[in-house]
C-alpha atoms as a PDB file:
ATOM      1  CA  UNK A   1      61.569-373.675-107.228  1.00  0.00           C
ATOM      2  CA  UNK A   2      63.883-374.146-104.341  1.00  0.00           C
ATOM      3  CA  UNK A   3      63.418-372.971-100.920  1.00  0.00           C
ATOM      4  CA  UNK A   4      66.969-372.054 -99.590  1.00  0.00           C
ATOM      5  CA  UNK A   5      68.107-371.251 -95.960  1.00  0.00           C
ATOM      6  CA  UNK A   6      71.087-368.473 -95.098  1.00  0.00           C
ATOM      7  CA  UNK A   7      73.796-370.691 -96.131  1.00  0.00           C
ATOM      8  CA  UNK A   8      72.237-371.367 -99.431  1.00  0.00           C
ATOM      9  CA  UNK A   9      71.204-375.139 -98.621  1.00  0.00           C
ATOM     10  CA  UNK A  10      68.441-376.319-100.760  1.00  0.00           C
ATOM     11  CA  UNK A  11      65.735-377.329 -98.274  1.00  0.00           C
ATOM     12  CA  UNK A  12      62.921-377.818-100.420  1.00  0.00           C
ATOM     13  CA  UNK A  13      62.402-378.376-103.944  1.00  0.00           C
ATOM     14  CA  UNK A  14      58.841-377.577-105.438  1.00  0.00           C
ATOM     15  CA  UNK A  15      57.048-378.012-109.020  1.00  0.00           C
ATOM     16  CA  UNK A  16      55.312-374.864-109.963  1.00  0.00           C
ATOM     17  CA  UNK A  17      52.684-376.481-112.027  1.00  0.00           C
ATOM     18  CA  UNK A  18      50.735-378.267-109.363  1.00  0.00           C
ATOM     19  CA  UNK A  19      52.420-376.639-106.367  1.00  0.00           C
ATOM     20  CA  UNK A  20      53.805-379.741-104.780  1.00  0.00           C
ATOM     21  CA  UNK A  21      56.949-380.551-102.955  1.00  0.00           C
ATOM     22  CA  UNK A  22      59.116-383.025-104.649  1.00  0.00           C
ATOM     23  CA  UNK A  23      62.163-383.159-102.346  1.00  0.00           C
ATOM     24  CA  UNK A  24      62.566-382.139 -98.823  1.00  0.00           C
ATOM     25  CA  UNK A  25      66.181-382.351 -96.971  1.00  0.00           C
ATOM     26  CA  UNK A  26      67.384-381.650 -93.760  1.00  0.00           C
ATOM     27  CA  UNK A  27      71.352-381.260 -92.907  1.00  0.00           C
ATOM     28  CA  UNK A  28      73.474-381.690 -89.918  1.00  0.00           C
ATOM     29  CA  UNK A  29      75.659-378.595 -89.248  1.00  0.00           C
ATOM     30  CA  UNK A  30      78.616-380.053 -91.497  1.00  0.00           C
ATOM     31  CA  UNK A  31      76.187-380.181 -94.452  1.00  0.00           C
ATOM     32  CA  UNK A  32      75.737-383.976 -94.335  1.00  0.00           C
ATOM     33  CA  UNK A  33      72.047-384.548 -95.358  1.00  0.00           C
ATOM     34  CA  UNK A  34      70.069-386.519 -92.942  1.00  0.00           C
ATOM     35  CA  UNK A  35      66.136-386.783 -92.577  1.00  0.00           C
ATOM     36  CA  UNK A  36      65.847-386.878 -96.266  1.00  0.00           C
ATOM     37  CA  UNK A  37      62.048-387.313 -96.687  1.00  0.00           C
ATOM     38  CA  UNK A  38      61.083-387.884-100.093  1.00  0.00           C
ATOM     39  CA  UNK A  39      62.386-387.395-103.627  1.00  0.00           C
ATOM     40  CA  UNK A  40      66.080-387.282-103.171  1.00  0.00           C
ATOM     41  CA  UNK A  41      66.852-388.356-106.629  1.00  0.00           C
ATOM     42  CA  UNK A  42      64.963-385.386-107.940  1.00  0.00           C
ATOM     43  CA  UNK A  43      68.329-383.139-108.000  1.00  0.00           C
ATOM     44  CA  UNK A  44      71.622-383.452-106.329  1.00  0.00           C
ATOM     45  CA  UNK A  45      72.390-379.707-105.585  1.00  0.00           C
ATOM     46  CA  UNK A  46      71.830-379.610-101.677  1.00  0.00           C
ATOM     47  CA  UNK A  47      74.474-377.997 -99.155  1.00  0.00           C
ATOM     48  CA  UNK A  48      75.651-374.533-100.268  1.00  0.00           C
ATOM     49  CA  UNK A  49      73.955-375.538-103.630  1.00  0.00           C
ATOM     50  CA  UNK A  50      76.775-377.736-104.523  1.00  0.00           C
ATOM     51  CA  UNK A  51      76.501-381.184-106.021  1.00  0.00           C
ATOM     52  CA  UNK A  52      76.304-384.085-103.751  1.00  0.00           C
ATOM     53  CA  UNK A  53      77.952-387.165-105.057  1.00  0.00           C
ATOM     54  CA  UNK A  54      76.949-390.580-103.442  1.00  0.00           C
ATOM     55  CA  UNK A  55      78.268-392.966-106.281  1.00  0.00           C
ATOM     56  CA  UNK A  56      80.091-395.670-104.972  1.00  0.00           C
ATOM     57  CA  UNK A  57      79.843-394.459-101.544  1.00  0.00           C
ATOM     58  CA  UNK A  58      81.704-391.244-102.154  1.00  0.00           C
ATOM     59  CA  UNK A  59      79.377-389.106-100.302  1.00  0.00           C
ATOM     60  CA  UNK A  60      81.064-385.764-101.087  1.00  0.00           C
ATOM     61  CA  UNK A  61      80.462-382.293-102.289  1.00  0.00           C
ATOM     62  CA  UNK A  62      81.470-381.099-105.449  1.00  0.00           C
ATOM     63  CA  UNK A  63      82.926-377.542-104.334  1.00  0.00           C
ATOM     64  CA  UNK A  64      84.667-376.495-107.627  1.00  0.00           C
ATOM     65  CA  UNK A  65      87.842-375.860-106.180  1.00  0.00           C
ATOM     66  CA  UNK A  66      88.217-378.772-103.822  1.00  0.00           C
ATOM     67  CA  UNK A  67      85.981-381.944-102.749  1.00  0.00           C
ATOM     68  CA  UNK A  68      84.413-381.485 -99.427  1.00  0.00           C
ATOM     69  CA  UNK A  69      83.311-384.549 -97.309  1.00  0.00           C
ATOM     70  CA  UNK A  70      80.885-383.469 -94.783  1.00  0.00           C
ATOM     71  CA  UNK A  71      80.987-386.513 -92.565  1.00  0.00           C
ATOM     72  CA  UNK A  72      84.151-385.269 -91.128  1.00  0.00           C
ATOM     73  CA  UNK A  73      84.022-381.514 -91.960  1.00  0.00           C
ATOM     74  CA  UNK A  74      87.040-381.768 -94.130  1.00  0.00           C
ATOM     75  CA  UNK A  75      88.344-381.196 -97.863  1.00  0.00           C
ATOM     76  CA  UNK A  76      90.257-383.976 -99.566  1.00  0.00           C
ATOM     77  CA  UNK A  77      93.018-381.746-100.617  1.00  0.00           C
ATOM     78  CA  UNK A  78      95.206-379.050 -98.626  1.00  0.00           C
ATOM     79  CA  UNK A  79      94.486-375.570 -98.707  1.00  0.00           C
ATOM     80  CA  UNK A  80      97.056-373.900-100.791  1.00  0.00           C
ATOM     81  CA  UNK A  81      97.236-371.026 -98.319  1.00  0.00           C
ATOM     82  CA  UNK A  82      97.656-373.186 -95.426  1.00  0.00           C
ATOM     83  CA  UNK A  83     101.001-371.615 -94.363  1.00  0.00           C
ATOM     84  CA  UNK A  84      99.086-368.411 -93.724  1.00  0.00           C
ATOM     85  CA  UNK A  85      96.614-370.081 -91.253  1.00  0.00           C
ATOM     86  CA  UNK A  86      98.637-372.262 -89.015  1.00  0.00           C
ATOM     87  CA  UNK A  87      95.903-372.216 -86.362  1.00  0.00           C
ATOM     88  CA  UNK A  88      93.441-374.046 -88.712  1.00  0.00           C
ATOM     89  CA  UNK A  89      93.828-377.498 -90.378  1.00  0.00           C
ATOM     90  CA  UNK A  90      94.773-377.302 -93.939  1.00  0.00           C
ATOM     91  CA  UNK A  91      91.800-379.369 -94.565  1.00  0.00           C
ATOM     92  CA  UNK A  92      89.279-377.355 -92.839  1.00  0.00           C
ATOM     93  CA  UNK A  93      86.199-376.195 -94.262  1.00  0.00           C
ATOM     94  CA  UNK A  94      84.848-372.712 -93.909  1.00  0.00           C
ATOM     95  CA  UNK A  95      87.438-371.967 -90.931  1.00  0.00           C
ATOM     96  CA  UNK A  96      85.643-374.716 -88.978  1.00  0.00           C
ATOM     97  CA  UNK A  97      82.532-372.666 -88.762  1.00  0.00           C
ATOM     98  CA  UNK A  98      80.219-373.912 -91.666  1.00  0.00           C
ATOM     99  CA  UNK A  99      77.151-373.019 -89.585  1.00  0.00           C
ATOM    100  CA  UNK A 100      77.698-369.288 -90.064  1.00  0.00           C
ATOM    101  CA  UNK A 101      80.006-369.277 -93.094  1.00  0.00           C
ATOM    102  CA  UNK A 102      79.886-370.531 -96.598  1.00  0.00           C
ATOM    103  CA  UNK A 103      82.432-370.825 -99.356  1.00  0.00           C
ATOM    104  CA  UNK A 104      80.444-370.283-102.911  1.00  0.00           C
ATOM    105  CA  UNK A 105      83.207-371.630-104.838  1.00  0.00           C
ATOM    106  CA  UNK A 106      86.470-371.381-102.501  1.00  0.00           C
ATOM    107  CA  UNK A 107      88.156-368.952-104.493  1.00  0.00           C
ATOM    108  CA  UNK A 108      89.096-365.347-104.627  1.00  0.00           C
ATOM    109  CA  UNK A 109      91.976-363.480-105.982  1.00  0.00           C
ATOM    110  CA  UNK A 110      95.234-362.409-104.527  1.00  0.00           C
ATOM    111  CA  UNK A 111      98.681-361.020-105.191  1.00  0.00           C
ATOM    112  CA  UNK A 112     101.718-362.761-103.838  1.00  0.00           C
ATOM    113  CA  UNK A 113     105.062-360.938-102.756  1.00  0.00           C
ATOM    114  CA  UNK A 114     106.425-361.370-106.453  1.00  0.00           C
ATOM    115  CA  UNK A 115     103.570-359.281-107.831  1.00  0.00           C
ATOM    116  CA  UNK A 116     101.864-362.425-109.582  1.00  0.00           C
ATOM    117  CA  UNK A 117      97.979-362.486-109.232  1.00  0.00           C
ATOM    118  CA  UNK A 118      96.637-365.901-108.343  1.00  0.00           C
ATOM    119  CA  UNK A 119      93.209-367.549-107.561  1.00  0.00           C
ATOM    120  CA  UNK A 120      92.828-369.086-104.232  1.00  0.00           C
ATOM    121  CA  UNK A 121      91.195-372.477-103.308  1.00  0.00           C
ATOM    122  CA  UNK A 122      90.352-370.873-100.004  1.00  0.00           C
ATOM    123  CA  UNK A 123      90.337-367.316 -99.676  1.00  0.00           C
ATOM    124  CA  UNK A 124      87.385-364.732 -99.241  1.00  0.00           C
ATOM    125  CA  UNK A 125      86.653-361.243 -98.108  1.00  0.00           C
ATOM    126  CA  UNK A 126      86.410-362.382 -94.504  1.00  0.00           C
ATOM    127  CA  UNK A 127      90.089-364.100 -94.273  1.00  0.00           C
ATOM    128  CA  UNK A 128      91.601-362.070 -97.110  1.00  0.00           C
ATOM    129  CA  UNK A 129      92.357-359.146 -94.610  1.00  0.00           C
ATOM    130  CA  UNK A 130      94.475-361.605 -92.685  1.00  0.00           C
ATOM    131  CA  UNK A 131      97.034-362.074 -95.372  1.00  0.00           C
ATOM    132  CA  UNK A 132     100.547-360.631 -94.505  1.00  0.00           C
ATOM    133  CA  UNK A 133     104.147-361.053 -95.393  1.00  0.00           C
ATOM    134  CA  UNK A 134     103.519-359.587 -98.929  1.00  0.00           C
ATOM    135  CA  UNK A 135     100.384-361.125 -99.938  1.00  0.00           C
ATOM    136  CA  UNK A 136      97.552-358.863-100.754  1.00  0.00           C
ATOM    137  CA  UNK A 137      93.770-359.772-101.162  1.00  0.00           C
ATOM    138  CA  UNK A 138      92.305-358.250-104.431  1.00  0.00           C
ATOM    139  CA  UNK A 139      88.580-359.463-104.202  1.00  0.00           C
ATOM    140  CA  UNK A 140      86.272-361.914-105.985  1.00  0.00           C
ATOM    141  CA  UNK A 141      86.857-359.997-109.203  1.00  0.00           C
ATOM    142  CA  UNK A 142      90.153-357.351-110.035  1.00  0.00           C
ATOM    143  CA  UNK A 143      90.984-355.132-112.986  1.00  0.00           C
ATOM    144  CA  UNK A 144      94.664-354.725-113.443  1.00  0.00           C
ATOM    145  CA  UNK A 145      96.061-351.235-114.438  1.00  0.00           C
ATOM    146  CA  UNK A 146      96.837-352.640-117.864  1.00  0.00           C
ATOM    147  CA  UNK A 147      93.106-353.591-118.397  1.00  0.00           C
ATOM    148  CA  UNK A 148      93.204-357.217-117.681  1.00  0.00           C
ATOM    149  CA  UNK A 149      89.961-358.508-116.108  1.00  0.00           C
ATOM    150  CA  UNK A 150      90.056-361.197-113.450  1.00  0.00           C
ATOM    151  CA  UNK A 151      86.905-362.839-113.238  1.00  0.00           C
ATOM    152  CA  UNK A 152      84.796-364.470-110.446  1.00  0.00           C
ATOM    153  CA  UNK A 153      85.390-367.908-111.703  1.00  0.00           C
ATOM    154  CA  UNK A 154      88.957-367.953-112.059  1.00  0.00           C
ATOM    155  CA  UNK A 155      89.457-367.035-115.628  1.00  0.00           C
ATOM    156  CA  UNK A 156      91.316-363.879-117.155  1.00  0.00           C
ATOM    157  CA  UNK A 157      90.358-361.485-119.883  1.00  0.00           C
ATOM    158  CA  UNK A 158      93.904-360.317-121.193  1.00  0.00           C
ATOM    159  CA  UNK A 159      93.864-357.452-123.257  1.00  0.00           C
ATOM    160  CA  UNK A 160      97.437-358.096-124.121  1.00  0.00           C
ATOM    161  CA  UNK A 161      97.844-361.397-125.834  1.00  0.00           C
ATOM    162  CA  UNK A 162     101.460-361.955-125.242  1.00  0.00           C
ATOM    163  CA  UNK A 163     100.700-361.912-121.378  1.00  0.00           C
ATOM    164  CA  UNK A 164      97.886-364.332-121.965  1.00  0.00           C
ATOM    165  CA  UNK A 165     100.327-366.763-123.656  1.00  0.00           C
ATOM    166  CA  UNK A 166     102.915-366.486-121.116  1.00  0.00           C
ATOM    167  CA  UNK A 167     100.079-367.105-118.349  1.00  0.00           C
ATOM    168  CA  UNK A 168      98.988-370.319-120.424  1.00  0.00           C
ATOM    169  CA  UNK A 169     102.304-371.891-120.520  1.00  0.00           C
ATOM    170  CA  UNK A 170     103.476-370.746-117.002  1.00  0.00           C
ATOM    171  CA  UNK A 171     100.249-372.234-115.332  1.00  0.00           C
ATOM    172  CA  UNK A 172     100.310-375.586-117.496  1.00  0.00           C
ATOM    173  CA  UNK A 173     103.882-376.026-116.107  1.00  0.00           C
ATOM    174  CA  UNK A 174     103.155-374.981-112.544  1.00  0.00           C
ATOM    175  CA  UNK A 175     101.272-378.294-111.731  1.00  0.00           C
ATOM    176  CA  UNK A 176     104.059-380.401-110.643  1.00  0.00           C
ATOM    177  CA  UNK A 177     105.274-381.250-114.123  1.00  0.00           C
ATOM    178  CA  UNK A 178     102.246-383.421-114.812  1.00  0.00           C
ATOM    179  CA  UNK A 179     101.299-381.946-118.035  1.00  0.00           C
ATOM    180  CA  UNK A 180      97.902-380.410-117.392  1.00  0.00           C
ATOM    181  CA  UNK A 181      96.453-378.592-120.387  1.00  0.00           C
ATOM    182  CA  UNK A 182      95.420-374.883-120.029  1.00  0.00           C
ATOM    183  CA  UNK A 183      92.959-373.225-122.339  1.00  0.00           C
ATOM    184  CA  UNK A 184      92.275-369.799-123.956  1.00  0.00           C
ATOM    185  CA  UNK A 185      89.762-368.352-126.234  1.00  0.00           C
ATOM    186  CA  UNK A 186      91.067-365.987-128.837  1.00  0.00           C
ATOM    187  CA  UNK A 187      88.995-362.969-129.917  1.00  0.00           C
ATOM    188  CA  UNK A 188      89.556-359.850-131.350  1.00  0.00           C
ATOM    189  CA  UNK A 189      89.506-357.979-127.971  1.00  0.00           C
ATOM    190  CA  UNK A 190      92.101-360.416-126.360  1.00  0.00           C
ATOM    191  CA  UNK A 191      92.528-363.644-124.981  1.00  0.00           C
ATOM    192  CA  UNK A 192      90.277-365.503-122.195  1.00  0.00           C
ATOM    193  CA  UNK A 193      92.245-367.703-120.465  1.00  0.00           C
ATOM    194  CA  UNK A 194      90.080-370.276-118.913  1.00  0.00           C
ATOM    195  CA  UNK A 195      90.375-371.200-114.978  1.00  0.00           C
ATOM    196  CA  UNK A 196      93.154-373.495-113.937  1.00  0.00           C
ATOM    197  CA  UNK A 197      92.878-377.043-114.864  1.00  0.00           C
ATOM    198  CA  UNK A 198      91.576-378.377-111.288  1.00  0.00           C
ATOM    199  CA  UNK A 199      90.963-381.938-112.604  1.00  0.00           C
ATOM    200  CA  UNK A 200      94.498-382.715-111.795  1.00  0.00           C
ATOM    201  CA  UNK A 201      93.129-383.754-108.159  1.00  0.00           C
ATOM    202  CA  UNK A 202      91.908-386.920-109.843  1.00  0.00           C
ATOM    203  CA  UNK A 203      95.003-387.586-112.272  1.00  0.00           C
ATOM    204  CA  UNK A 204      93.385-385.720-115.189  1.00  0.00           C
ATOM    205  CA  UNK A 205      95.604-383.928-117.587  1.00  0.00           C
ATOM    206  CA  UNK A 206      92.919-382.987-120.314  1.00  0.00           C
ATOM    207  CA  UNK A 207      91.082-379.881-119.741  1.00  0.00           C
ATOM    208  CA  UNK A 208      87.432-380.490-118.749  1.00  0.00           C
ATOM    209  CA  UNK A 209      85.519-377.771-120.210  1.00  0.00           C
ATOM    210  CA  UNK A 210      81.996-378.780-118.590  1.00  0.00           C
ATOM    211  CA  UNK A 211      83.470-378.951-115.199  1.00  0.00           C
ATOM    212  CA  UNK A 212      84.226-375.098-115.351  1.00  0.00           C
ATOM    213  CA  UNK A 213      81.071-374.443-116.867  1.00  0.00           C
ATOM    214  CA  UNK A 214      81.994-373.677-120.532  1.00  0.00           C
ATOM    215  CA  UNK A 215      80.928-375.293-123.513  1.00  0.00           C
ATOM    216  CA  UNK A 216      80.689-375.221-127.281  1.00  0.00           C
ATOM    217  CA  UNK A 217      77.875-375.854-129.849  1.00  0.00           C
ATOM    218  CA  UNK A 218      77.173-374.819-133.500  1.00  0.00           C
ATOM    219  CA  UNK A 219      80.006-372.375-133.572  1.00  0.00           C
ATOM    220  CA  UNK A 220      79.328-370.578-130.100  1.00  0.00           C
ATOM    221  CA  UNK A 221      80.680-370.539-126.627  1.00  0.00           C
ATOM    222  CA  UNK A 222      78.847-370.652-123.763  1.00  0.00           C
ATOM    223  CA  UNK A 223      80.594-368.289-121.169  1.00  0.00           C
ATOM    224  CA  UNK A 224      80.119-369.585-117.594  1.00  0.00           C
ATOM    225  CA  UNK A 225      80.248-365.939-116.291  1.00  0.00           C
ATOM    226  CA  UNK A 226      77.963-364.407-118.375  1.00  0.00           C
ATOM    227  CA  UNK A 227      75.840-367.252-118.742  1.00  0.00           C
ATOM    228  CA  UNK A 228      75.342-366.117-122.337  1.00  0.00           C
ATOM    229  CA  UNK A 229      76.395-367.522-125.665  1.00  0.00           C
ATOM    230  CA  UNK A 230      78.865-365.824-127.939  1.00  0.00           C
ATOM    231  CA  UNK A 231      79.965-366.304-131.618  1.00  0.00           C
ATOM    232  CA  UNK A 232      82.546-363.613-131.916  1.00  0.00           C
ATOM    233  CA  UNK A 233      85.398-365.300-131.178  1.00  0.00           C
ATOM    234  CA  UNK A 234      88.081-366.454-133.641  1.00  0.00           C
ATOM    235  CA  UNK A 235      89.737-369.655-132.377  1.00  0.00           C
ATOM    236  CA  UNK A 236      91.198-371.493-129.250  1.00  0.00           C
ATOM    237  CA  UNK A 237      94.554-372.236-128.060  1.00  0.00           C
ATOM    238  CA  UNK A 238      95.686-374.570-125.720  1.00  0.00           C
ATOM    239  CA  UNK A 239      98.817-376.080-124.162  1.00  0.00           C
ATOM    240  CA  UNK A 240     100.305-379.666-125.233  1.00  0.00           C
ATOM    241  CA  UNK A 241     103.525-379.399-122.897  1.00  0.00           C
ATOM    242  CA  UNK A 242     103.384-383.077-121.587  1.00  0.00           C
ATOM    243  CA  UNK A 243     106.584-384.524-123.397  1.00  0.00           C
ATOM    244  CA  UNK A 244     104.927-388.026-123.208  1.00  0.00           C
ATOM    245  CA  UNK A 245     102.285-386.958-125.422  1.00  0.00           C
ATOM    246  CA  UNK A 246     101.799-385.547-129.069  1.00  0.00           C
ATOM    247  CA  UNK A 247     102.456-381.648-129.369  1.00  0.00           C
ATOM    248  CA  UNK A 248     100.252-381.195-132.225  1.00  0.00           C
ATOM    249  CA  UNK A 249      96.460-381.062-131.827  1.00  0.00           C
ATOM    250  CA  UNK A 250      94.596-384.367-131.198  1.00  0.00           C
ATOM    251  CA  UNK A 251      91.640-385.869-132.654  1.00  0.00           C
ATOM    252  CA  UNK A 252      89.511-384.514-129.820  1.00  0.00           C
ATOM    253  CA  UNK A 253      90.801-381.371-130.800  1.00  0.00           C
ATOM    254  CA  UNK A 254      89.496-381.559-134.345  1.00  0.00           C
ATOM    255  CA  UNK A 255      86.193-382.689-132.657  1.00  0.00           C
ATOM    256  CA  UNK A 256      86.174-379.519-130.830  1.00  0.00           C
ATOM    257  CA  UNK A 257      87.002-377.338-134.099  1.00  0.00           C
ATOM    258  CA  UNK A 258      83.803-379.075-135.487  1.00  0.00           C
ATOM    259  CA  UNK A 259      81.754-377.993-132.620  1.00  0.00           C
ATOM    260  CA  UNK A 260      82.762-374.274-133.341  1.00  0.00           C
ATOM    261  CA  UNK A 261      82.223-374.503-136.929  1.00  0.00           C
ATOM    262  CA  UNK A 262      85.570-375.269-138.104  1.00  0.00           C
ATOM    263  CA  UNK A 263      87.415-372.441-136.394  1.00  0.00           C
ATOM    264  CA  UNK A 264      91.048-373.341-135.855  1.00  0.00           C
ATOM    265  CA  UNK A 265      92.354-374.992-132.493  1.00  0.00           C
ATOM    266  CA  UNK A 266      95.934-374.223-131.870  1.00  0.00           C
ATOM    267  CA  UNK A 267      98.297-376.124-129.324  1.00  0.00           C
ATOM    268  CA  UNK A 268     101.504-374.480-127.741  1.00  0.00           C
ATOM    269  CA  UNK A 269     103.559-377.827-127.918  1.00  0.00           C
ATOM    270  CA  UNK A 270     106.439-379.468-125.916  1.00  0.00           C
ATOM    271  CA  UNK A 271     108.540-379.212-129.175  1.00  0.00           C
ATOM    272  CA  UNK A 272     108.363-375.426-128.953  1.00  0.00           C
ATOM    273  CA  UNK A 273     105.956-374.870-131.888  1.00  0.00           C
ATOM    274  CA  UNK A 274     102.673-373.758-132.416  1.00  0.00           C
ATOM    275  CA  UNK A 275     100.392-376.060-134.187  1.00  0.00           C
ATOM    276  CA  UNK A 276      96.865-375.270-135.649  1.00  0.00           C
ATOM    277  CA  UNK A 277      94.111-377.584-137.013  1.00  0.00           C
ATOM    278  CA  UNK A 278      90.623-377.130-138.503  1.00  0.00           C
ATOM    279  CA  UNK A 279      87.549-379.200-139.338  1.00  0.00           C
ATOM    280  CA  UNK A 280      86.834-379.051-143.037  1.00  0.00           C
ATOM    281  CA  UNK A 281      83.260-381.141-143.027  1.00  0.00           C
ATOM    282  CA  UNK A 282      82.302-384.484-142.407  1.00  0.00           C
ATOM    283  CA  UNK A 283      82.501-387.020-145.260  1.00  0.00           C
ATOM    284  CA  UNK A 284      78.865-387.355-146.551  1.00  0.00           C
ATOM    285  CA  UNK A 285      79.395-391.099-147.226  1.00  0.00           C
ATOM    286  CA  UNK A 286      81.283-392.363-144.296  1.00  0.00           C
ATOM    287  CA  UNK A 287      80.612-389.472-141.697  1.00  0.00           C
ATOM    288  CA  UNK A 288      84.676-389.242-140.934  1.00  0.00           C
ATOM    289  CA  UNK A 289      85.634-385.905-139.975  1.00  0.00           C
ATOM    290  CA  UNK A 290      87.813-384.000-142.474  1.00  0.00           C
ATOM    291  CA  UNK A 291      90.426-381.517-141.363  1.00  0.00           C
ATOM    292  CA  UNK A 292      93.363-379.752-142.524  1.00  0.00           C
ATOM    293  CA  UNK A 293      96.452-377.927-140.731  1.00  0.00           C
ATOM    294  CA  UNK A 294      96.909-374.425-140.471  1.00  0.00           C
ATOM    295  CA  UNK A 295     100.245-374.209-142.704  1.00  0.00           C
ATOM    296  CA  UNK A 296     100.603-370.672-143.212  1.00  0.00           C
ATOM    297  CA  UNK A 297     101.250-369.508-139.394  1.00  0.00           C
ATOM    298  CA  UNK A 298     104.765-370.779-138.595  1.00  0.00           C
ATOM    299  CA  UNK A 299     105.903-369.548-135.262  1.00  0.00           C
ATOM    300  CA  UNK A 300     107.267-370.677-131.808  1.00  0.00           C
ATOM    301  CA  UNK A 301     106.072-370.482-128.238  1.00  0.00           C
ATOM    302  CA  UNK A 302     108.607-368.091-127.674  1.00  0.00           C
ATOM    303  CA  UNK A 303     107.617-365.748-130.345  1.00  0.00           C
ATOM    304  CA  UNK A 304     104.011-365.615-128.905  1.00  0.00           C
ATOM    305  CA  UNK A 305     105.094-364.969-125.282  1.00  0.00           C
ATOM    306  CA  UNK A 306     107.663-362.559-126.587  1.00  0.00           C
ATOM    307  CA  UNK A 307     104.930-360.531-128.758  1.00  0.00           C
ATOM    308  CA  UNK A 308     106.845-361.039-131.773  1.00  0.00           C
ATOM    309  CA  UNK A 309     103.790-362.920-133.442  1.00  0.00           C
ATOM    310  CA  UNK A 310     100.061-362.224-133.063  1.00  0.00           C
ATOM    311  CA  UNK A 311      97.369-364.932-133.444  1.00  0.00           C
ATOM    312  CA  UNK A 312      94.650-362.498-133.183  1.00  0.00           C
ATOM    313  CA  UNK A 313      96.087-360.453-136.501  1.00  0.00           C
ATOM    314  CA  UNK A 314      96.691-363.547-138.170  1.00  0.00           C
ATOM    315  CA  UNK A 315      93.059-365.156-137.493  1.00  0.00           C
ATOM    316  CA  UNK A 316      91.327-361.944-138.738  1.00  0.00           C
ATOM    317  CA  UNK A 317      92.442-362.724-142.079  1.00  0.00           C
ATOM    318  CA  UNK A 318      92.416-366.097-142.080  1.00  0.00           C
ATOM    319  CA  UNK A 319      89.654-368.226-143.874  1.00  0.00           C
ATOM    320  CA  UNK A 320      88.759-371.731-142.347  1.00  0.00           C
ATOM    321  CA  UNK A 321      85.426-372.011-144.601  1.00  0.00           C
END
């Protein structure tokens, strides 16, 4: 059990069985732990309930959108909306007022002057009203007129799969050309585009599902927003737009297909082709993963993004078992 203050800081951790306190933590105003007391290794979620990472002297909080360094009350990356807040440092945390303001995950939805809906790394109901010059605050969640559901973690449930593929490819190529992957979960109801690949901040290109709270096991998907396991999805699609890598699915993709009971994994490749692979079982003698390619779905990225081909319709009748 946790005892928290008004900012969500974990002050004490109790064990219900014997009603004893196993961890006690005090904080400076910036969130830096002090007077730690006992049991600091019992769990690492402390200031605002965020993970405190001390490895090799890092001493930062993982705040999902950005890393926060409480010793100087600054983040380690620039606020993407910094140009809208000239009076505040682009590295500031909670508008330089962490005593009264908390940032649950550093993100809310907004619309830019071109009508594009984006997830901000530093935007909330308080400062969203200050947006000007054609920018519009939309909220922690948002439903568009076309029925797309913009969820609180930065993921989007697209009813129109054409829009989903366009979003995947556009966002994958919006990160300075470094080839970061974007992921989408294919279901009969549409495509769930997972949150932007924020791992590029540490130089990673591969999508880190666990970092965003999603995981697969025994054919099921754990949804980070609903916090439930789901099995009613058809497959996965992600981007391989880095020209220095392989456009086709990787060995890791075969392993991911294995985790979802052989459902297909597709890539939107830098060669403009859509590639598919699925796990066919483990060799009983060697344990080597068996796999096969999806050969009956020949299409291109452009055909998907233009709505000329549908993965959903194809997967409804495709048998991978």
